[in-house]
Protein backbone atom coordinates (compact mmCIF):
# COMPACT_ATOMS: atom_id res chain seq x y z
CA MET A 1 85.10 22.37 63.58
CA ASN A 2 84.69 19.28 61.38
CA LYS A 3 87.78 17.73 63.00
CA ILE A 4 86.25 18.16 66.47
CA ILE A 5 82.94 16.58 65.38
CA MET A 6 84.78 13.70 63.68
CA THR A 7 86.89 13.10 66.82
CA LEU A 8 83.77 12.97 69.01
CA VAL A 9 82.00 10.55 66.62
CA CYS A 10 85.08 8.25 66.52
CA PHE A 11 85.34 8.33 70.32
CA GLY A 12 81.65 7.43 70.63
CA ILE A 13 81.95 4.49 68.21
CA THR A 14 85.08 3.21 69.99
CA SER A 15 83.31 3.43 73.37
CA ILE A 16 80.28 1.51 72.09
CA SER A 17 82.37 -1.24 70.49
CA ASP A 18 84.71 -1.63 73.49
CA PRO A 19 83.20 -4.13 76.00
CA ASN A 20 85.29 -2.58 78.80
CA ALA A 21 83.39 0.68 78.32
CA TYR A 22 80.25 -0.93 79.77
CA ALA A 23 79.74 -0.73 83.51
CA GLN A 24 78.59 -4.35 83.43
CA GLU A 25 78.30 -7.10 80.86
CA LYS A 26 75.04 -8.91 80.37
CA GLY A 27 74.81 -11.58 83.06
CA ASP A 28 77.60 -10.15 85.25
CA ILE A 29 76.74 -9.57 88.89
CA VAL A 30 77.79 -6.26 90.36
CA ILE A 31 78.05 -5.80 94.13
CA PRO A 32 78.64 -2.04 94.48
CA CYS A 33 79.57 -2.02 98.17
CA ALA A 34 82.07 -4.89 98.02
CA ILE A 35 84.93 -2.48 97.29
CA PRO A 36 87.40 -2.16 100.23
CA PHE A 37 86.36 1.45 100.95
CA TYR A 38 82.94 0.19 102.03
CA ARG A 39 84.50 -2.35 104.43
CA GLU A 40 86.55 0.01 106.62
CA LEU A 41 84.07 -0.21 109.50
CA ASP A 42 83.51 -3.97 109.29
CA PHE A 43 85.74 -4.53 112.34
CA THR A 44 82.87 -3.25 114.52
CA VAL A 45 80.39 -5.83 113.21
CA GLY A 46 79.23 -8.33 115.83
CA GLU A 47 77.24 -8.97 118.98
CA TRP A 48 79.03 -7.13 121.79
CA GLN A 49 78.95 -6.97 125.58
CA VAL A 50 80.11 -3.48 126.52
CA PHE A 51 81.99 -2.61 129.73
CA HIS A 52 83.12 0.64 131.33
CA LYS A 53 86.90 0.72 130.90
CA SER A 54 87.44 2.41 134.29
CA THR A 55 85.39 0.00 136.44
CA GLY A 56 84.89 -3.14 134.36
CA LYS A 57 81.15 -2.95 135.04
CA ILE A 58 78.77 -3.75 132.21
CA ALA A 59 77.35 -0.72 130.38
CA GLY A 60 75.18 -2.41 127.79
CA TYR A 61 74.86 -4.55 124.69
CA ASP A 62 75.49 -3.47 121.14
CA ARG A 63 74.42 -5.35 118.02
CA ILE A 64 76.25 -4.08 114.94
CA GLY A 65 75.72 -5.57 111.50
CA ARG A 66 75.95 -4.94 107.79
CA THR A 67 72.71 -4.11 106.01
CA LEU A 68 71.56 -3.14 102.51
CA ARG A 69 73.94 -5.66 100.89
CA GLY A 70 76.89 -4.29 102.82
CA CYS A 71 76.27 -0.66 101.86
CA ALA A 72 75.61 0.40 105.46
CA ILE A 73 76.41 -0.54 109.05
CA GLN A 74 73.42 -0.68 111.41
CA GLN A 75 73.82 -0.43 115.18
CA SER A 76 71.33 -1.20 117.97
CA TRP A 77 72.43 -0.09 121.44
CA ILE A 78 70.79 -1.08 124.75
CA SER A 79 71.99 0.49 128.03
CA LEU A 80 72.14 -1.77 131.06
CA ASP A 81 73.06 0.96 133.53
CA ASP A 82 71.99 4.52 134.27
CA HIS A 83 74.99 6.23 132.65
CA PHE A 84 72.70 8.34 130.43
CA SER A 85 69.78 8.58 132.88
CA SER A 86 68.95 11.62 135.00
CA LYS A 87 66.14 12.81 137.25
CA TYR A 88 64.57 14.39 134.16
CA VAL A 89 65.04 11.31 131.94
CA PRO A 90 64.86 8.41 134.42
CA PHE A 91 64.81 5.57 131.87
CA ARG A 92 67.78 3.86 130.23
CA MET A 93 68.97 4.79 126.78
CA ASN A 94 68.32 2.69 123.70
CA GLY A 95 69.67 3.98 120.42
CA LYS A 96 70.21 3.12 116.78
CA SER A 97 72.57 4.34 114.11
CA LEU A 98 73.02 3.87 110.40
CA THR A 99 76.50 4.53 109.01
CA ALA A 100 77.54 4.54 105.35
CA PHE A 101 80.36 5.64 103.06
CA ASN A 102 79.36 8.27 100.48
CA GLY A 103 82.45 7.88 98.29
CA THR A 104 84.36 10.57 100.17
CA GLU A 105 83.67 10.13 103.87
CA TRP A 106 81.67 8.06 106.33
CA ILE A 107 78.39 9.51 107.62
CA GLN A 108 76.51 8.29 110.70
CA PHE A 109 72.96 9.17 111.66
CA TRP A 110 72.25 8.42 115.34
CA VAL A 111 68.90 8.62 117.16
CA ASP A 112 67.88 7.43 120.63
CA ASN A 113 64.91 7.25 122.98
CA GLN A 114 66.14 10.30 124.94
CA ALA A 115 65.61 12.67 121.99
CA GLY A 116 69.28 12.48 121.03
CA VAL A 117 69.95 13.01 117.33
CA GLN A 118 73.39 13.41 115.80
CA ILE A 119 75.03 13.41 112.39
CA LEU A 120 78.70 12.46 112.57
CA LYS A 121 81.22 12.40 109.73
CA GLY A 122 84.75 11.09 109.31
CA GLY A 123 86.65 7.89 108.67
CA PRO A 124 89.92 6.07 109.35
CA LYS A 125 92.81 7.99 110.93
CA ARG A 126 95.90 5.83 111.45
CA ASP A 127 94.78 2.97 113.73
CA GLN A 128 91.48 4.62 114.70
CA PHE A 129 88.11 5.22 113.09
CA VAL A 130 86.98 8.75 114.01
CA LEU A 131 83.56 10.34 113.52
CA GLN A 132 82.88 13.95 114.48
CA SER A 133 79.81 16.20 114.73
CA GLU A 134 78.71 17.74 111.47
CA LYS A 135 77.78 20.87 113.45
CA PRO A 136 77.60 21.76 117.17
CA ILE A 137 74.62 20.60 119.22
CA ALA A 138 73.66 23.03 122.00
CA GLY A 139 77.16 24.52 121.76
CA TYR A 140 79.00 21.17 121.87
CA GLU A 141 80.93 19.23 119.25
CA TYR A 142 81.12 15.46 119.68
CA MET A 143 83.71 12.91 118.63
CA LEU A 144 83.33 9.12 118.52
CA ILE A 145 86.49 6.98 118.24
CA TRP A 146 86.65 3.24 117.49
CA GLN A 147 89.92 1.38 117.95
CA LYS A 148 90.54 -2.35 117.51
CA GLN A 149 92.61 -3.93 120.28
CA GLU A 150 95.14 -6.77 119.94
CA ASP A 151 92.91 -9.21 121.85
CA GLY A 152 90.00 -8.68 119.41
CA SER A 153 88.08 -6.33 121.67
CA LEU A 154 87.25 -2.74 120.71
CA LEU A 155 87.85 0.50 122.56
CA ASN A 156 85.04 3.01 122.04
CA THR A 157 85.71 6.56 123.25
CA HIS A 158 83.19 9.40 123.19
CA LYS A 159 84.42 12.99 123.61
CA ARG A 160 82.95 16.46 123.47
CA ARG A 161 84.09 20.08 123.63
CA ASN A 162 82.26 23.32 124.30
CA THR A 163 82.68 25.38 121.14
CA ALA A 164 80.08 27.96 122.21
CA GLU A 165 82.61 29.51 124.60
CA ASN A 166 85.84 28.64 122.78
CA LYS A 167 86.15 27.32 119.22
CA ASN A 168 89.50 25.71 120.12
CA ALA A 169 88.33 24.21 123.42
CA GLU A 170 89.97 21.02 124.67
CA TRP A 171 88.17 17.71 124.18
CA GLU A 172 86.84 16.06 127.35
CA THR A 173 86.21 12.31 127.54
CA LEU A 174 82.59 11.46 128.32
CA TYR A 175 83.17 7.71 128.45
CA GLU A 176 85.49 4.92 127.38
CA TRP A 177 83.96 1.52 126.76
CA VAL A 178 85.49 -1.86 126.02
CA TYR A 179 83.56 -4.01 123.54
CA VAL A 180 83.93 -7.77 124.01
CA LYS A 181 82.36 -10.31 121.64
CA ASN A 182 79.18 -11.73 123.12
CA LEU A 183 79.79 -15.49 122.87
CA ASN A 184 76.40 -16.35 124.37
CA GLN A 185 74.02 -14.51 122.07
CA ASP A 186 71.06 -15.61 124.20
CA LEU A 187 72.23 -13.00 126.72
CA TYR A 188 71.25 -10.22 124.32
CA PRO A 189 68.00 -8.82 125.73
CA ASP A 190 64.87 -8.58 123.62
CA GLU A 191 64.37 -5.17 122.12
CA ILE A 192 62.25 -2.81 124.18
CA ASP A 193 58.72 -2.21 122.92
CA GLU A 194 58.91 1.00 120.87
CA ASN A 195 55.56 2.17 122.30
CA ASN A 196 57.05 2.58 125.79
């Protein structure tokens, strides 16, 4: 028993006297989210014009940036067509997301002005960045895929599958969008008044 206590005391003294045992030295600056793991989604950062891949028509604008000293990615989406509109929800979608790495996986919280709320989880898979529903919403699972293209654009694919009827249902593509850097940032529309 005395040997165990002595070993623990020696270990404690060694840890205190070893400057490498401290998380940070006095005066050192620590930037917690500068580690490469926290930068895996940085390729999406920018001001983007977004086009339907199938038609080439503009779908909207997306402003994606780092926030909280690089610890999160914040997205502001503005629809410029009626892709998400219906006779029940006749106005165009605006949405926001906050995405961050928790040390194990990436987590995104999405909310929009059409009562859409999702929590997606995932991360890099080969040459794609894939986020998937934490749990089904009204019987559907959703998947969001980001893929950087050789010309610097991004391909954004959104899929879903009906797991209420079949847990192994096939994924269907809801949309595929091409993100192109918005070189004229004055084109980005002012944000809609939140009271509307």
